[in-house]
Every structure is written in C-alpha cells, then in structure tokens.
Amino acid sequence: MSVSIKILVEGSLCIALSIALSFVKLFALPQGGSVSLGMLPIFIFAIRRGGTAGISA
C-alpha cells in the first residue's frame, strides 16, 4: 500500500494546525464545556482525501 508524500505532508500539517487551533476557544459554556476550532482541519482533510486518510489522521 503506497501513500503519497503529498498526502502525508498535508495530513501532518492538518494535525499541527489542529493542535494549534485547539487552544483557541470560541465560547465557554456555563457548565464548564467549551467550543474550539481544533477538529476543523481534520474534517477538511477527511473530506478532501477520503475516509481512510481522515481516520488515520
């Protein structure tokens, strides 16, 4: 099973961006929860590259 270098690089950049965005909170809920932008790059990567690459990221 061959994986392209472009897909690996894009996946690693999406993971790094996801980690950086997880520190940005959009708003905090009264019971202690919060909404962040951390999963957005992973969702975009999964939509672009398919389910297998998205699950592996």
PDB file of N, CA and C in Angstrom:
ATOM      1  N   MET A   1       0.845  -1.173   0.000  1.00  0.00           N
ATOM      2  CA  MET A   1       0.000   0.000   0.000  1.00  0.00           C
ATOM      3  C   MET A   1       0.892   1.238   0.000  1.00  0.00           C
ATOM      4  N   SER A   2       0.823   2.002  -1.051  1.00  0.00           N
ATOM      5  CA  SER A   2       1.675   3.172  -1.203  1.00  0.00           C
ATOM      6  C   SER A   2       0.903   4.442  -0.852  1.00  0.00           C
ATOM      7  N   VAL A   3       1.511   5.263  -0.033  1.00  0.00           N
ATOM      8  CA  VAL A   3       0.909   6.538   0.357  1.00  0.00           C
ATOM      9  C   VAL A   3       1.776   7.650  -0.209  1.00  0.00           C
ATOM     10  N   SER A   4       1.134   8.586  -0.857  1.00  0.00           N
ATOM     11  CA  SER A   4       1.860   9.684  -1.468  1.00  0.00           C
ATOM     12  C   SER A   4       2.454  10.601  -0.393  1.00  0.00           C
ATOM     13  N   ILE A   5       3.601  11.163  -0.702  1.00  0.00           N
ATOM     14  CA  ILE A   5       4.254  12.096   0.214  1.00  0.00           C
ATOM     15  C   ILE A   5       3.394  13.338   0.414  1.00  0.00           C
ATOM     16  N   LYS A   6       2.692  13.766  -0.630  1.00  0.00           N
ATOM     17  CA  LYS A   6       1.829  14.947  -0.506  1.00  0.00           C
ATOM     18  C   LYS A   6       0.713  14.717   0.504  1.00  0.00           C
ATOM     19  N   ILE A   7       0.140  13.518   0.508  1.00  0.00           N
ATOM     20  CA  ILE A   7      -0.930  13.212   1.458  1.00  0.00           C
ATOM     21  C   ILE A   7      -0.379  13.168   2.879  1.00  0.00           C
ATOM     22  N   LEU A   8       0.802  12.596   3.057  1.00  0.00           N
ATOM     23  CA  LEU A   8       1.411  12.553   4.385  1.00  0.00           C
ATOM     24  C   LEU A   8       1.730  13.947   4.905  1.00  0.00           C
ATOM     25  N   VAL A   9       2.267  14.804   4.037  1.00  0.00           N
ATOM     26  CA  VAL A   9       2.604  16.167   4.447  1.00  0.00           C
ATOM     27  C   VAL A   9       1.340  16.956   4.762  1.00  0.00           C
ATOM     28  N   GLU A  10       0.320  16.821   3.928  1.00  0.00           N
ATOM     29  CA  GLU A  10      -0.934  17.528   4.182  1.00  0.00           C
ATOM     30  C   GLU A  10      -1.575  17.054   5.486  1.00  0.00           C
ATOM     31  N   GLY A  11      -1.529  15.768   5.743  1.00  0.00           N
ATOM     32  CA  GLY A  11      -2.073  15.238   6.989  1.00  0.00           C
ATOM     33  C   GLY A  11      -1.326  15.744   8.207  1.00  0.00           C
ATOM     34  N   SER A  12      -0.004  15.779   8.120  1.00  0.00           N
ATOM     35  CA  SER A  12       0.772  16.259   9.266  1.00  0.00           C
ATOM     36  C   SER A  12       0.560  17.749   9.497  1.00  0.00           C
ATOM     37  N   LEU A  13       0.406  18.527   8.430  1.00  0.00           N
ATOM     38  CA  LEU A  13       0.113  19.951   8.599  1.00  0.00           C
ATOM     39  C   LEU A  13      -1.271  20.167   9.200  1.00  0.00           C
ATOM     40  N   CYS A  14      -2.231  19.360   8.805  1.00  0.00           N
ATOM     41  CA  CYS A  14      -3.578  19.472   9.381  1.00  0.00           C
ATOM     42  C   CYS A  14      -3.571  19.098  10.856  1.00  0.00           C
ATOM     43  N   ILE A  15      -2.790  18.104  11.226  1.00  0.00           N
ATOM     44  CA  ILE A  15      -2.694  17.723  12.636  1.00  0.00           C
ATOM     45  C   ILE A  15      -2.038  18.834  13.445  1.00  0.00           C
ATOM     46  N   ALA A  16      -0.962  19.423  12.913  1.00  0.00           N
ATOM     47  CA  ALA A  16      -0.300  20.520  13.620  1.00  0.00           C
ATOM     48  C   ALA A  16      -1.220  21.731  13.754  1.00  0.00           C
ATOM     49  N   LEU A  17      -1.955  22.048  12.694  1.00  0.00           N
ATOM     50  CA  LEU A  17      -2.897  23.162  12.748  1.00  0.00           C
ATOM     51  C   LEU A  17      -4.030  22.867  13.725  1.00  0.00           C
ATOM     52  N   SER A  18      -4.450  21.622  13.788  1.00  0.00           N
ATOM     53  CA  SER A  18      -5.499  21.231  14.726  1.00  0.00           C
ATOM     54  C   SER A  18      -5.040  21.394  16.173  1.00  0.00           C
ATOM     55  N   ILE A  19      -3.805  21.040  16.453  1.00  0.00           N
ATOM     56  CA  ILE A  19      -3.272  21.213  17.807  1.00  0.00           C
ATOM     57  C   ILE A  19      -3.191  22.691  18.161  1.00  0.00           C
ATOM     58  N   ALA A  20      -2.739  23.519  17.220  1.00  0.00           N
ATOM     59  CA  ALA A  20      -2.643  24.956  17.484  1.00  0.00           C
ATOM     60  C   ALA A  20      -4.022  25.581  17.679  1.00  0.00           C
ATOM     61  N   LEU A  21      -5.001  25.162  16.881  1.00  0.00           N
ATOM     62  CA  LEU A  21      -6.340  25.734  16.993  1.00  0.00           C
ATOM     63  C   LEU A  21      -7.107  25.217  18.205  1.00  0.00           C
ATOM     64  N   SER A  22      -6.663  24.138  18.808  1.00  0.00           N
ATOM     65  CA  SER A  22      -7.369  23.623  19.984  1.00  0.00           C
ATOM     66  C   SER A  22      -7.226  24.555  21.184  1.00  0.00           C
ATOM     67  N   PHE A  23      -6.250  25.451  21.152  1.00  0.00           N
ATOM     68  CA  PHE A  23      -6.079  26.416  22.235  1.00  0.00           C
ATOM     69  C   PHE A  23      -6.980  27.637  22.074  1.00  0.00           C
ATOM     70  N   VAL A  24      -7.605  27.815  20.914  1.00  0.00           N
ATOM     71  CA  VAL A  24      -8.497  28.942  20.660  1.00  0.00           C
ATOM     72  C   VAL A  24      -9.917  28.517  21.014  1.00  0.00           C
ATOM     73  N   LYS A  25     -10.500  29.169  21.993  1.00  0.00           N
ATOM     74  CA  LYS A  25     -11.861  28.853  22.413  1.00  0.00           C
ATOM     75  C   LYS A  25     -12.823  29.873  21.808  1.00  0.00           C
ATOM     76  N   LEU A  26     -13.862  29.390  21.137  1.00  0.00           N
ATOM     77  CA  LEU A  26     -14.867  30.293  20.583  1.00  0.00           C
ATOM     78  C   LEU A  26     -15.738  30.868  21.688  1.00  0.00           C
ATOM     79  N   PHE A  27     -16.264  30.012  22.539  1.00  0.00           N
ATOM     80  CA  PHE A  27     -17.008  30.462  23.719  1.00  0.00           C
ATOM     81  C   PHE A  27     -17.031  29.346  24.753  1.00  0.00           C
ATOM     82  N   ALA A  28     -17.219  29.744  26.004  1.00  0.00           N
ATOM     83  CA  ALA A  28     -17.273  28.781  27.100  1.00  0.00           C
ATOM     84  C   ALA A  28     -18.720  28.619  27.551  1.00  0.00           C
ATOM     85  N   LEU A  29     -19.098  27.400  27.828  1.00  0.00           N
ATOM     86  CA  LEU A  29     -20.445  27.097  28.294  1.00  0.00           C
ATOM     87  C   LEU A  29     -20.515  27.218  29.817  1.00  0.00           C
ATOM     88  N   PRO A  30     -21.701  27.455  30.367  1.00  0.00           N
ATOM     89  CA  PRO A  30     -21.807  27.679  31.813  1.00  0.00           C
ATOM     90  C   PRO A  30     -21.425  26.472  32.673  1.00  0.00           C
ATOM     91  N   GLN A  31     -21.578  25.253  32.173  1.00  0.00           N
ATOM     92  CA  GLN A  31     -21.243  24.077  32.970  1.00  0.00           C
ATOM     93  C   GLN A  31     -19.786  23.646  32.806  1.00  0.00           C
ATOM     94  N   GLY A  32     -18.984  24.433  32.166  1.00  0.00           N
ATOM     95  CA  GLY A  32     -17.562  24.147  32.065  1.00  0.00           C
ATOM     96  C   GLY A  32     -17.089  23.668  30.709  1.00  0.00           C
ATOM     97  N   GLY A  33     -17.970  23.404  29.774  1.00  0.00           N
ATOM     98  CA  GLY A  33     -17.557  22.981  28.442  1.00  0.00           C
ATOM     99  C   GLY A  33     -17.176  24.171  27.577  1.00  0.00           C
ATOM    100  N   SER A  34     -16.592  23.904  26.450  1.00  0.00           N
ATOM    101  CA  SER A  34     -16.238  24.979  25.528  1.00  0.00           C
ATOM    102  C   SER A  34     -16.254  24.451  24.096  1.00  0.00           C
ATOM    103  N   VAL A  35     -16.319  25.370  23.166  1.00  0.00           N
ATOM    104  CA  VAL A  35     -16.304  25.039  21.744  1.00  0.00           C
ATOM    105  C   VAL A  35     -15.009  25.589  21.165  1.00  0.00           C
ATOM    106  N   SER A  36     -14.226  24.732  20.507  1.00  0.00           N
ATOM    107  CA  SER A  36     -12.964  25.168  19.910  1.00  0.00           C
ATOM    108  C   SER A  36     -12.933  24.779  18.435  1.00  0.00           C
ATOM    109  N   LEU A  37     -11.947  25.293  17.740  1.00  0.00           N
ATOM    110  CA  LEU A  37     -11.798  25.043  16.304  1.00  0.00           C
ATOM    111  C   LEU A  37     -10.830  23.897  16.008  1.00  0.00           C
ATOM    112  N   GLY A  38     -10.515  23.090  16.997  1.00  0.00           N
ATOM    113  CA  GLY A  38      -9.470  22.080  16.864  1.00  0.00           C
ATOM    114  C   GLY A  38      -9.720  21.003  15.820  1.00  0.00           C
ATOM    115  N   MET A  39     -10.948  20.589  15.613  1.00  0.00           N
ATOM    116  CA  MET A  39     -11.225  19.488  14.693  1.00  0.00           C
ATOM    117  C   MET A  39     -11.475  19.941  13.258  1.00  0.00           C
ATOM    118  N   LEU A  40     -11.570  21.227  13.028  1.00  0.00           N
ATOM    119  CA  LEU A  40     -11.874  21.724  11.687  1.00  0.00           C
ATOM    120  C   LEU A  40     -10.848  21.293  10.635  1.00  0.00           C
ATOM    121  N   PRO A  41      -9.536  21.422  10.869  1.00  0.00           N
ATOM    122  CA  PRO A  41      -8.582  20.962   9.845  1.00  0.00           C
ATOM    123  C   PRO A  41      -8.662  19.460   9.568  1.00  0.00           C
ATOM    124  N   ILE A  42      -8.958  18.660  10.586  1.00  0.00           N
ATOM    125  CA  ILE A  42      -9.083  17.218  10.384  1.00  0.00           C
ATOM    126  C   ILE A  42     -10.310  16.900   9.539  1.00  0.00           C
ATOM    127  N   PHE A  43     -11.422  17.607   9.777  1.00  0.00           N
ATOM    128  CA  PHE A  43     -12.623  17.412   8.963  1.00  0.00           C
ATOM    129  C   PHE A  43     -12.362  17.775   7.510  1.00  0.00           C
ATOM    130  N   ILE A  44     -11.684  18.885   7.284  1.00  0.00           N
ATOM    131  CA  ILE A  44     -11.384  19.312   5.910  1.00  0.00           C
ATOM    132  C   ILE A  44     -10.472  18.293   5.227  1.00  0.00           C
ATOM    133  N   PHE A  45      -9.480  17.793   5.949  1.00  0.00           N
ATOM    134  CA  PHE A  45      -8.584  16.780   5.392  1.00  0.00           C
ATOM    135  C   PHE A  45      -9.347  15.504   5.052  1.00  0.00           C
ATOM    136  N   ALA A  46     -10.268  15.091   5.925  1.00  0.00           N
ATOM    137  CA  ALA A  46     -11.046  13.876   5.675  1.00  0.00           C
ATOM    138  C   ALA A  46     -11.967  14.046   4.476  1.00  0.00           C
ATOM    139  N   ILE A  47     -12.517  15.227   4.299  1.00  0.00           N
ATOM    140  CA  ILE A  47     -13.378  15.471   3.139  1.00  0.00           C
ATOM    141  C   ILE A  47     -12.558  15.466   1.856  1.00  0.00           C
ATOM    142  N   ARG A  48     -11.371  16.053   1.886  1.00  0.00           N
ATOM    143  CA  ARG A  48     -10.546  16.134   0.682  1.00  0.00           C
ATOM    144  C   ARG A  48      -9.932  14.797   0.291  1.00  0.00           C
ATOM    145  N   ARG A  49      -9.457  14.029   1.271  1.00  0.00           N
ATOM    146  CA  ARG A  49      -8.674  12.818   0.979  1.00  0.00           C
ATOM    147  C   ARG A  49      -9.409  11.513   1.206  1.00  0.00           C
ATOM    148  N   GLY A  50     -10.613  11.566   1.752  1.00  0.00           N
ATOM    149  CA  GLY A  50     -11.382  10.343   1.938  1.00  0.00           C
ATOM    150  C   GLY A  50     -11.364   9.852   3.371  1.00  0.00           C
ATOM    151  N   GLY A  51     -12.172   8.849   3.606  1.00  0.00           N
ATOM    152  CA  GLY A  51     -12.360   8.342   4.957  1.00  0.00           C
ATOM    153  C   GLY A  51     -11.146   7.662   5.554  1.00  0.00           C
ATOM    154  N   THR A  52     -10.425   6.898   4.755  1.00  0.00           N
ATOM    155  CA  THR A  52      -9.264   6.175   5.277  1.00  0.00           C
ATOM    156  C   THR A  52      -8.172   7.128   5.745  1.00  0.00           C
ATOM    157  N   ALA A  53      -7.874   8.131   4.945  1.00  0.00           N
ATOM    158  CA  ALA A  53      -6.860   9.112   5.340  1.00  0.00           C
ATOM    159  C   ALA A  53      -7.351   9.958   6.506  1.00  0.00           C
ATOM    160  N   GLY A  54      -8.636  10.280   6.525  1.00  0.00           N
ATOM    161  CA  GLY A  54      -9.182  11.079   7.616  1.00  0.00           C
ATOM    162  C   GLY A  54      -9.165  10.345   8.941  1.00  0.00           C
ATOM    163  N   ILE A  55      -9.458   9.046   8.916  1.00  0.00           N
ATOM    164  CA  ILE A  55      -9.425   8.263  10.149  1.00  0.00           C
ATOM    165  C   ILE A  55      -7.991   8.090  10.632  1.00  0.00           C
ATOM    166  N   SER A  56      -7.058   7.928   9.721  1.00  0.00           N
ATOM    167  CA  SER A  56      -5.670   7.757  10.134  1.00  0.00           C
ATOM    168  C   SER A  56      -5.069   9.042  10.679  1.00  0.00           C
ATOM    169  N   ALA A  57      -5.613  10.193  10.288  1.00  0.00           N
ATOM    170  CA  ALA A  57      -5.119  11.468  10.824  1.00  0.00           C
ATOM    171  C   ALA A  57      -5.677  11.665  12.202  1.00  0.00           C
TER     172      ALA A  57
END
